[in-house]
Amino acid sequence: MNSIGDDCNELKKQYDACFNNWFSERFLKGETDDSVCAPIFKVYQECVKRAMREQKIELREIETDYTTASEFDNNNNSSTTGNSAPAW
């Protein structure tokens, strides 16, 4: 999949390669420090933000927190009297 901005495609490929290598060679072996890809991620992230500004996509439109169905159920069930079935 390409990046949101054509100028960012090569950076995305580099970050994806770094992440995939870190995940398979480090994370799956117990090493959770993901800082190895942080420098390329930062450059890629800035490129994506620039592309979004150029395409007039506001960051606040995509930074909304959404609750998943399971989070919604967990929050609602904690306030009930022990009934674990959804109150539909």
PDB file of N, CA and C in Angstrom:
ATOM      1  N   MET A   1       0.845  -1.166   0.000  1.00  0.00           N
ATOM      2  CA  MET A   1       0.000   0.000   0.000  1.00  0.00           C
ATOM      3  C   MET A   1       0.899   1.240   0.000  1.00  0.00           C
ATOM      4  N   ASN A   2       0.541   2.210  -0.803  1.00  0.00           N
ATOM      5  CA  ASN A   2       1.300   3.450  -0.880  1.00  0.00           C
ATOM      6  C   ASN A   2       0.958   4.381   0.270  1.00  0.00           C
ATOM      7  N   SER A   3       1.788   5.366   0.439  1.00  0.00           N
ATOM      8  CA  SER A   3       1.563   6.381   1.457  1.00  0.00           C
ATOM      9  C   SER A   3       0.565   7.409   0.942  1.00  0.00           C
ATOM     10  N   ILE A   4       0.105   8.259   1.823  1.00  0.00           N
ATOM     11  CA  ILE A   4      -0.856   9.305   1.461  1.00  0.00           C
ATOM     12  C   ILE A   4      -0.246  10.312   0.484  1.00  0.00           C
ATOM     13  N   GLY A   5       1.044  10.488   0.547  1.00  0.00           N
ATOM     14  CA  GLY A   5       1.733  11.401  -0.367  1.00  0.00           C
ATOM     15  C   GLY A   5       2.750  10.653  -1.201  1.00  0.00           C
ATOM     16  N   ASP A   6       2.748  10.897  -2.494  1.00  0.00           N
ATOM     17  CA  ASP A   6       3.694  10.204  -3.375  1.00  0.00           C
ATOM     18  C   ASP A   6       5.140  10.407  -2.934  1.00  0.00           C
ATOM     19  N   ASP A   7       5.444  11.608  -2.415  1.00  0.00           N
ATOM     20  CA  ASP A   7       6.803  11.894  -1.960  1.00  0.00           C
ATOM     21  C   ASP A   7       7.205  11.037  -0.761  1.00  0.00           C
ATOM     22  N   CYS A   8       6.230  10.451  -0.084  1.00  0.00           N
ATOM     23  CA  CYS A   8       6.491   9.683   1.130  1.00  0.00           C
ATOM     24  C   CYS A   8       6.615   8.179   0.879  1.00  0.00           C
ATOM     25  N   ASN A   9       6.369   7.742  -0.340  1.00  0.00           N
ATOM     26  CA  ASN A   9       6.360   6.303  -0.620  1.00  0.00           C
ATOM     27  C   ASN A   9       7.682   5.615  -0.297  1.00  0.00           C
ATOM     28  N   GLU A  10       8.781   6.217  -0.666  1.00  0.00           N
ATOM     29  CA  GLU A  10      10.081   5.596  -0.395  1.00  0.00           C
ATOM     30  C   GLU A  10      10.350   5.542   1.114  1.00  0.00           C
ATOM     31  N   LEU A  11       9.991   6.597   1.829  1.00  0.00           N
ATOM     32  CA  LEU A  11      10.159   6.595   3.286  1.00  0.00           C
ATOM     33  C   LEU A  11       9.293   5.523   3.926  1.00  0.00           C
ATOM     34  N   LYS A  12       8.086   5.340   3.416  1.00  0.00           N
ATOM     35  CA  LYS A  12       7.194   4.304   3.937  1.00  0.00           C
ATOM     36  C   LYS A  12       7.806   2.928   3.729  1.00  0.00           C
ATOM     37  N   LYS A  13       8.356   2.694   2.561  1.00  0.00           N
ATOM     38  CA  LYS A  13       9.001   1.407   2.277  1.00  0.00           C
ATOM     39  C   LYS A  13      10.161   1.158   3.232  1.00  0.00           C
ATOM     40  N   GLN A  14      10.957   2.203   3.488  1.00  0.00           N
ATOM     41  CA  GLN A  14      12.087   2.067   4.397  1.00  0.00           C
ATOM     42  C   GLN A  14      11.613   1.772   5.817  1.00  0.00           C
ATOM     43  N   TYR A  15      10.581   2.497   6.259  1.00  0.00           N
ATOM     44  CA  TYR A  15      10.058   2.261   7.607  1.00  0.00           C
ATOM     45  C   TYR A  15       9.434   0.873   7.707  1.00  0.00           C
ATOM     46  N   ASP A  16       8.638   0.477   6.716  1.00  0.00           N
ATOM     47  CA  ASP A  16       8.025  -0.849   6.729  1.00  0.00           C
ATOM     48  C   ASP A  16       9.088  -1.944   6.821  1.00  0.00           C
ATOM     49  N   ALA A  17      10.155  -1.794   6.052  1.00  0.00           N
ATOM     50  CA  ALA A  17      11.244  -2.778   6.075  1.00  0.00           C
ATOM     51  C   ALA A  17      11.896  -2.821   7.451  1.00  0.00           C
ATOM     52  N   CYS A  18      12.136  -1.650   8.032  1.00  0.00           N
ATOM     53  CA  CYS A  18      12.737  -1.579   9.357  1.00  0.00           C
ATOM     54  C   CYS A  18      11.825  -2.229  10.392  1.00  0.00           C
ATOM     55  N   PHE A  19      10.539  -1.874  10.354  1.00  0.00           N
ATOM     56  CA  PHE A  19       9.589  -2.424  11.314  1.00  0.00           C
ATOM     57  C   PHE A  19       9.486  -3.944  11.180  1.00  0.00           C
ATOM     58  N   ASN A  20       9.351  -4.426   9.947  1.00  0.00           N
ATOM     59  CA  ASN A  20       9.224  -5.868   9.736  1.00  0.00           C
ATOM     60  C   ASN A  20      10.450  -6.617  10.237  1.00  0.00           C
ATOM     61  N   ASN A  21      11.630  -6.043  10.002  1.00  0.00           N
ATOM     62  CA  ASN A  21      12.856  -6.653  10.487  1.00  0.00           C
ATOM     63  C   ASN A  21      12.889  -6.641  12.013  1.00  0.00           C
ATOM     64  N   TRP A  22      12.578  -5.505  12.633  1.00  0.00           N
ATOM     65  CA  TRP A  22      12.552  -5.406  14.089  1.00  0.00           C
ATOM     66  C   TRP A  22      11.558  -6.409  14.672  1.00  0.00           C
ATOM     67  N   PHE A  23      10.374  -6.483  14.091  1.00  0.00           N
ATOM     68  CA  PHE A  23       9.334  -7.352  14.613  1.00  0.00           C
ATOM     69  C   PHE A  23       9.774  -8.820  14.582  1.00  0.00           C
ATOM     70  N   SER A  24      10.275  -9.246  13.434  1.00  0.00           N
ATOM     71  CA  SER A  24      10.630 -10.668  13.299  1.00  0.00           C
ATOM     72  C   SER A  24      11.945 -11.025  13.978  1.00  0.00           C
ATOM     73  N   GLU A  25      12.909 -10.125  13.937  1.00  0.00           N
ATOM     74  CA  GLU A  25      14.231 -10.441  14.461  1.00  0.00           C
ATOM     75  C   GLU A  25      14.444 -10.042  15.923  1.00  0.00           C
ATOM     76  N   ARG A  26      13.613  -9.180  16.443  1.00  0.00           N
ATOM     77  CA  ARG A  26      13.803  -8.710  17.820  1.00  0.00           C
ATOM     78  C   ARG A  26      12.577  -8.928  18.687  1.00  0.00           C
ATOM     79  N   PHE A  27      11.458  -8.335  18.274  1.00  0.00           N
ATOM     80  CA  PHE A  27      10.257  -8.387  19.107  1.00  0.00           C
ATOM     81  C   PHE A  27       9.813  -9.820  19.381  1.00  0.00           C
ATOM     82  N   LEU A  28       9.757 -10.647  18.345  1.00  0.00           N
ATOM     83  CA  LEU A  28       9.319 -12.033  18.529  1.00  0.00           C
ATOM     84  C   LEU A  28      10.310 -12.846  19.347  1.00  0.00           C
ATOM     85  N   LYS A  29      11.489 -12.305  19.559  1.00  0.00           N
ATOM     86  CA  LYS A  29      12.491 -12.977  20.391  1.00  0.00           C
ATOM     87  C   LYS A  29      12.581 -12.343  21.777  1.00  0.00           C
ATOM     88  N   GLY A  30      11.617 -11.460  22.100  1.00  0.00           N
ATOM     89  CA  GLY A  30      11.531 -10.906  23.448  1.00  0.00           C
ATOM     90  C   GLY A  30      12.062  -9.508  23.633  1.00  0.00           C
ATOM     91  N   GLU A  31      12.669  -8.920  22.612  1.00  0.00           N
ATOM     92  CA  GLU A  31      13.200  -7.565  22.737  1.00  0.00           C
ATOM     93  C   GLU A  31      12.122  -6.561  22.321  1.00  0.00           C
ATOM     94  N   THR A  32      11.656  -5.777  23.281  1.00  0.00           N
ATOM     95  CA  THR A  32      10.544  -4.860  22.994  1.00  0.00           C
ATOM     96  C   THR A  32      10.984  -3.431  22.693  1.00  0.00           C
ATOM     97  N   ASP A  33      12.253  -3.143  22.767  1.00  0.00           N
ATOM     98  CA  ASP A  33      12.746  -1.795  22.467  1.00  0.00           C
ATOM     99  C   ASP A  33      12.654  -1.544  20.966  1.00  0.00           C
ATOM    100  N   ASP A  34      11.710  -0.678  20.581  1.00  0.00           N
ATOM    101  CA  ASP A  34      11.491  -0.418  19.155  1.00  0.00           C
ATOM    102  C   ASP A  34      12.169   0.859  18.665  1.00  0.00           C
ATOM    103  N   SER A  35      13.115   1.370  19.428  1.00  0.00           N
ATOM    104  CA  SER A  35      13.761   2.635  19.071  1.00  0.00           C
ATOM    105  C   SER A  35      14.626   2.537  17.817  1.00  0.00           C
ATOM    106  N   VAL A  36      14.945   1.339  17.371  1.00  0.00           N
ATOM    107  CA  VAL A  36      15.790   1.181  16.195  1.00  0.00           C
ATOM    108  C   VAL A  36      15.152   1.825  14.958  1.00  0.00           C
ATOM    109  N   CYS A  37      13.829   1.842  14.879  1.00  0.00           N
ATOM    110  CA  CYS A  37      13.136   2.404  13.712  1.00  0.00           C
ATOM    111  C   CYS A  37      12.651   3.831  13.952  1.00  0.00           C
ATOM    112  N   ALA A  38      12.877   4.362  15.135  1.00  0.00           N
ATOM    113  CA  ALA A  38      12.367   5.687  15.480  1.00  0.00           C
ATOM    114  C   ALA A  38      12.851   6.794  14.540  1.00  0.00           C
ATOM    115  N   PRO A  39      14.120   6.835  14.150  1.00  0.00           N
ATOM    116  CA  PRO A  39      14.563   7.928  13.272  1.00  0.00           C
ATOM    117  C   PRO A  39      13.846   7.953  11.917  1.00  0.00           C
ATOM    118  N   ILE A  40      13.711   6.802  11.279  1.00  0.00           N
ATOM    119  CA  ILE A  40      13.038   6.780   9.980  1.00  0.00           C
ATOM    120  C   ILE A  40      11.537   7.019  10.158  1.00  0.00           C
ATOM    121  N   PHE A  41      10.978   6.556  11.276  1.00  0.00           N
ATOM    122  CA  PHE A  41       9.561   6.804  11.525  1.00  0.00           C
ATOM    123  C   PHE A  41       9.293   8.299  11.662  1.00  0.00           C
ATOM    124  N   LYS A  42      10.166   9.006  12.360  1.00  0.00           N
ATOM    125  CA  LYS A  42       9.981  10.447  12.555  1.00  0.00           C
ATOM    126  C   LYS A  42      10.005  11.183  11.212  1.00  0.00           C
ATOM    127  N   VAL A  43      10.930  10.840  10.350  1.00  0.00           N
ATOM    128  CA  VAL A  43      11.029  11.476   9.033  1.00  0.00           C
ATOM    129  C   VAL A  43       9.789  11.140   8.201  1.00  0.00           C
ATOM    130  N   TYR A  44       9.374   9.879   8.239  1.00  0.00           N
ATOM    131  CA  TYR A  44       8.183   9.462   7.501  1.00  0.00           C
ATOM    132  C   TYR A  44       6.939  10.168   8.032  1.00  0.00           C
ATOM    133  N   GLN A  45       6.821  10.257   9.346  1.00  0.00           N
ATOM    134  CA  GLN A  45       5.668  10.916   9.965  1.00  0.00           C
ATOM    135  C   GLN A  45       5.579  12.384   9.542  1.00  0.00           C
ATOM    136  N   GLU A  46       6.686  13.076   9.510  1.00  0.00           N
ATOM    137  CA  GLU A  46       6.694  14.474   9.076  1.00  0.00           C
ATOM    138  C   GLU A  46       6.279  14.594   7.606  1.00  0.00           C
ATOM    139  N   CYS A  47       6.718  13.661   6.797  1.00  0.00           N
ATOM    140  CA  CYS A  47       6.337  13.663   5.385  1.00  0.00           C
ATOM    141  C   CYS A  47       4.831  13.469   5.245  1.00  0.00           C
ATOM    142  N   VAL A  48       4.264  12.549   6.015  1.00  0.00           N
ATOM    143  CA  VAL A  48       2.821  12.297   5.964  1.00  0.00           C
ATOM    144  C   VAL A  48       2.049  13.532   6.424  1.00  0.00           C
ATOM    145  N   LYS A  49       2.509  14.168   7.486  1.00  0.00           N
ATOM    146  CA  LYS A  49       1.835  15.374   7.977  1.00  0.00           C
ATOM    147  C   LYS A  49       1.864  16.482   6.927  1.00  0.00           C
ATOM    148  N   ARG A  50       3.007  16.631   6.251  1.00  0.00           N
ATOM    149  CA  ARG A  50       3.126  17.638   5.194  1.00  0.00           C
ATOM    150  C   ARG A  50       2.165  17.318   4.051  1.00  0.00           C
ATOM    151  N   ALA A  51       2.102  16.049   3.654  1.00  0.00           N
ATOM    152  CA  ALA A  51       1.191  15.647   2.579  1.00  0.00           C
ATOM    153  C   ALA A  51      -0.264  15.896   2.967  1.00  0.00           C
ATOM    154  N   MET A  52      -0.582  15.667   4.215  1.00  0.00           N
ATOM    155  CA  MET A  52      -1.949  15.910   4.686  1.00  0.00           C
ATOM    156  C   MET A  52      -2.283  17.396   4.622  1.00  0.00           C
ATOM    157  N   ARG A  53      -1.340  18.224   5.036  1.00  0.00           N
ATOM    158  CA  ARG A  53      -1.570  19.676   4.953  1.00  0.00           C
ATOM    159  C   ARG A  53      -1.764  20.104   3.503  1.00  0.00           C
ATOM    160  N   GLU A  54      -0.945  19.571   2.609  1.00  0.00           N
ATOM    161  CA  GLU A  54      -1.048  19.908   1.192  1.00  0.00           C
ATOM    162  C   GLU A  54      -2.386  19.470   0.607  1.00  0.00           C
ATOM    163  N   GLN A  55      -2.928  18.370   1.114  1.00  0.00           N
ATOM    164  CA  GLN A  55      -4.220  17.870   0.630  1.00  0.00           C
ATOM    165  C   GLN A  55      -5.384  18.411   1.466  1.00  0.00           C
ATOM    166  N   LYS A  56      -5.056  19.361   2.359  1.00  0.00           N
ATOM    167  CA  LYS A  56      -6.050  20.021   3.200  1.00  0.00           C
ATOM    168  C   LYS A  56      -6.840  19.028   4.069  1.00  0.00           C
ATOM    169  N   ILE A  57      -6.125  18.038   4.587  1.00  0.00           N
ATOM    170  CA  ILE A  57      -6.691  17.091   5.548  1.00  0.00           C
ATOM    171  C   ILE A  57      -6.213  17.542   6.918  1.00  0.00           C
ATOM    172  N   GLU A  58      -7.146  17.895   7.772  1.00  0.00           N
ATOM    173  CA  GLU A  58      -6.784  18.393   9.096  1.00  0.00           C
ATOM    174  C   GLU A  58      -6.527  17.228  10.038  1.00  0.00           C
ATOM    175  N   LEU A  59      -5.446  17.329  10.814  1.00  0.00           N
ATOM    176  CA  LEU A  59      -5.082  16.265  11.730  1.00  0.00           C
ATOM    177  C   LEU A  59      -6.181  15.983  12.744  1.00  0.00           C
ATOM    178  N   ARG A  60      -6.899  16.993  13.193  1.00  0.00           N
ATOM    179  CA  ARG A  60      -7.926  16.754  14.207  1.00  0.00           C
ATOM    180  C   ARG A  60      -9.031  15.848  13.682  1.00  0.00           C
ATOM    181  N   GLU A  61      -9.198  15.785  12.370  1.00  0.00           N
ATOM    182  CA  GLU A  61     -10.199  14.903  11.781  1.00  0.00           C
ATOM    183  C   GLU A  61      -9.827  13.438  11.938  1.00  0.00           C
ATOM    184  N   ILE A  62      -8.547  13.140  12.047  1.00  0.00           N
ATOM    185  CA  ILE A  62      -8.124  11.748  12.167  1.00  0.00           C
ATOM    186  C   ILE A  62      -7.626  11.406  13.555  1.00  0.00           C
ATOM    187  N   GLU A  63      -7.535  12.364  14.450  1.00  0.00           N
ATOM    188  CA  GLU A  63      -7.028  12.098  15.786  1.00  0.00           C
ATOM    189  C   GLU A  63      -8.141  11.849  16.805  1.00  0.00           C
ATOM    190  N   THR A  64      -9.342  11.634  16.349  1.00  0.00           N
ATOM    191  CA  THR A  64     -10.456  11.360  17.234  1.00  0.00           C
ATOM    192  C   THR A  64     -10.283   9.978  17.837  1.00  0.00           C
ATOM    193  N   ASP A  65     -10.519   9.871  19.137  1.00  0.00           N
ATOM    194  CA  ASP A  65     -10.476   8.576  19.802  1.00  0.00           C
ATOM    195  C   ASP A  65     -11.820   7.896  19.640  1.00  0.00           C
ATOM    196  N   TYR A  66     -11.783   6.691  19.158  1.00  0.00           N
ATOM    197  CA  TYR A  66     -12.994   5.908  19.002  1.00  0.00           C
ATOM    198  C   TYR A  66     -12.942   4.737  19.968  1.00  0.00           C
ATOM    199  N   THR A  67     -14.070   4.394  20.528  1.00  0.00           N
ATOM    200  CA  THR A  67     -14.160   3.278  21.440  1.00  0.00           C
ATOM    201  C   THR A  67     -14.562   2.041  20.649  1.00  0.00           C
ATOM    202  N   THR A  68     -13.835   0.949  20.875  1.00  0.00           N
ATOM    203  CA  THR A  68     -14.201  -0.295  20.214  1.00  0.00           C
ATOM    204  C   THR A  68     -15.405  -0.891  20.919  1.00  0.00           C
ATOM    205  N   ALA A  69     -16.058  -1.821  20.284  1.00  0.00           N
ATOM    206  CA  ALA A  69     -17.248  -2.450  20.864  1.00  0.00           C
ATOM    207  C   ALA A  69     -16.908  -3.131  22.189  1.00  0.00           C
ATOM    208  N   SER A  70     -15.767  -3.800  22.264  1.00  0.00           N
ATOM    209  CA  SER A  70     -15.415  -4.491  23.512  1.00  0.00           C
ATOM    210  C   SER A  70     -15.117  -3.494  24.622  1.00  0.00           C
ATOM    211  N   GLU A  71     -14.491  -2.362  24.306  1.00  0.00           N
ATOM    212  CA  GLU A  71     -14.261  -1.328  25.319  1.00  0.00           C
ATOM    213  C   GLU A  71     -15.585  -0.757  25.796  1.00  0.00           C
ATOM    214  N   PHE A  72     -16.527  -0.552  24.864  1.00  0.00           N
ATOM    215  CA  PHE A  72     -17.842  -0.041  25.209  1.00  0.00           C
ATOM    216  C   PHE A  72     -18.547  -1.011  26.144  1.00  0.00           C
ATOM    217  N   ASP A  73     -18.514  -2.301  25.810  1.00  0.00           N
ATOM    218  CA  ASP A  73     -19.153  -3.317  26.643  1.00  0.00           C
ATOM    219  C   ASP A  73     -18.522  -3.368  28.026  1.00  0.00           C
ATOM    220  N   ASN A  74     -17.183  -3.326  28.081  1.00  0.00           N
ATOM    221  CA  ASN A  74     -16.496  -3.370  29.371  1.00  0.00           C
ATOM    222  C   ASN A  74     -16.858  -2.174  30.240  1.00  0.00           C
ATOM    223  N   ASN A  75     -16.918  -0.992  29.649  1.00  0.00           N
ATOM    224  CA  ASN A  75     -17.261   0.205  30.407  1.00  0.00           C
ATOM    225  C   ASN A  75     -18.698   0.152  30.903  1.00  0.00           C
ATOM    226  N   ASN A  76     -19.608  -0.323  30.090  1.00  0.00           N
ATOM    227  CA  ASN A  76     -21.008  -0.402  30.490  1.00  0.00           C
ATOM    228  C   ASN A  76     -21.260  -1.510  31.497  1.00  0.00           C
ATOM    229  N   ASN A  77     -20.591  -2.639  31.346  1.00  0.00           N
ATOM    230  CA  ASN A  77     -20.795  -3.752  32.269  1.00  0.00           C
ATOM    231  C   ASN A  77     -20.245  -3.453  33.648  1.00  0.00           C
ATOM    232  N   SER A  78     -19.233  -2.636  33.741  1.00  0.00           N
ATOM    233  CA  SER A  78     -18.661  -2.325  35.052  1.00  0.00           C
ATOM    234  C   SER A  78     -19.615  -1.486  35.885  1.00  0.00           C
ATOM    235  N   SER A  79     -20.581  -0.831  35.241  1.00  0.00           N
ATOM    236  CA  SER A  79     -21.503   0.000  35.989  1.00  0.00           C
ATOM    237  C   SER A  79     -22.841  -0.676  36.239  1.00  0.00           C
ATOM    238  N   THR A  80     -22.963  -1.943  35.804  1.00  0.00           N
ATOM    239  CA  THR A  80     -24.216  -2.678  36.020  1.00  0.00           C
ATOM    240  C   THR A  80     -24.127  -3.483  37.295  1.00  0.00           C
ATOM    241  N   THR A  81     -25.187  -4.187  37.630  1.00  0.00           N
ATOM    242  CA  THR A  81     -25.229  -4.968  38.872  1.00  0.00           C
ATOM    243  C   THR A  81     -24.783  -6.393  38.641  1.00  0.00           C
ATOM    244  N   GLY A  82     -23.776  -6.586  37.860  1.00  0.00           N
ATOM    245  CA  GLY A  82     -23.234  -7.913  37.646  1.00  0.00           C
ATOM    246  C   GLY A  82     -23.799  -8.630  36.436  1.00  0.00           C
ATOM    247  N   ASN A  83     -24.725  -8.054  35.733  1.00  0.00           N
ATOM    248  CA  ASN A  83     -25.281  -8.656  34.546  1.00  0.00           C
ATOM    249  C   ASN A  83     -24.290  -8.465  33.406  1.00  0.00           C
ATOM    250  N   SER A  84     -23.756  -9.560  32.881  1.00  0.00           N
ATOM    251  CA  SER A  84     -22.746  -9.436  31.825  1.00  0.00           C
ATOM    252  C   SER A  84     -23.353  -9.364  30.438  1.00  0.00           C
ATOM    253  N   ALA A  85     -24.656  -9.550  30.315  1.00  0.00           N
ATOM    254  CA  ALA A  85     -25.293  -9.450  29.002  1.00  0.00           C
ATOM    255  C   ALA A  85     -25.530  -7.984  28.661  1.00  0.00           C
ATOM    256  N   PRO A  86     -25.337  -7.616  27.388  1.00  0.00           N
ATOM    257  CA  PRO A  86     -25.570  -6.222  26.999  1.00  0.00           C
ATOM    258  C   PRO A  86     -27.035  -5.842  27.205  1.00  0.00           C
ATOM    259  N   ALA A  87     -27.251  -4.620  27.599  1.00  0.00           N
ATOM    260  CA  ALA A  87     -28.616  -4.105  27.812  1.00  0.00           C
ATOM    261  C   ALA A  87     -29.085  -3.447  26.534  1.00  0.00           C
ATOM    262  N   TRP A  88     -29.596  -4.212  25.588  1.00  0.00           N
ATOM    263  CA  TRP A  88     -30.028  -3.692  24.292  1.00  0.00           C
ATOM    264  C   TRP A  88     -31.432  -3.265  24.359  1.00  0.00           C
TER     265      TRP A  88
END
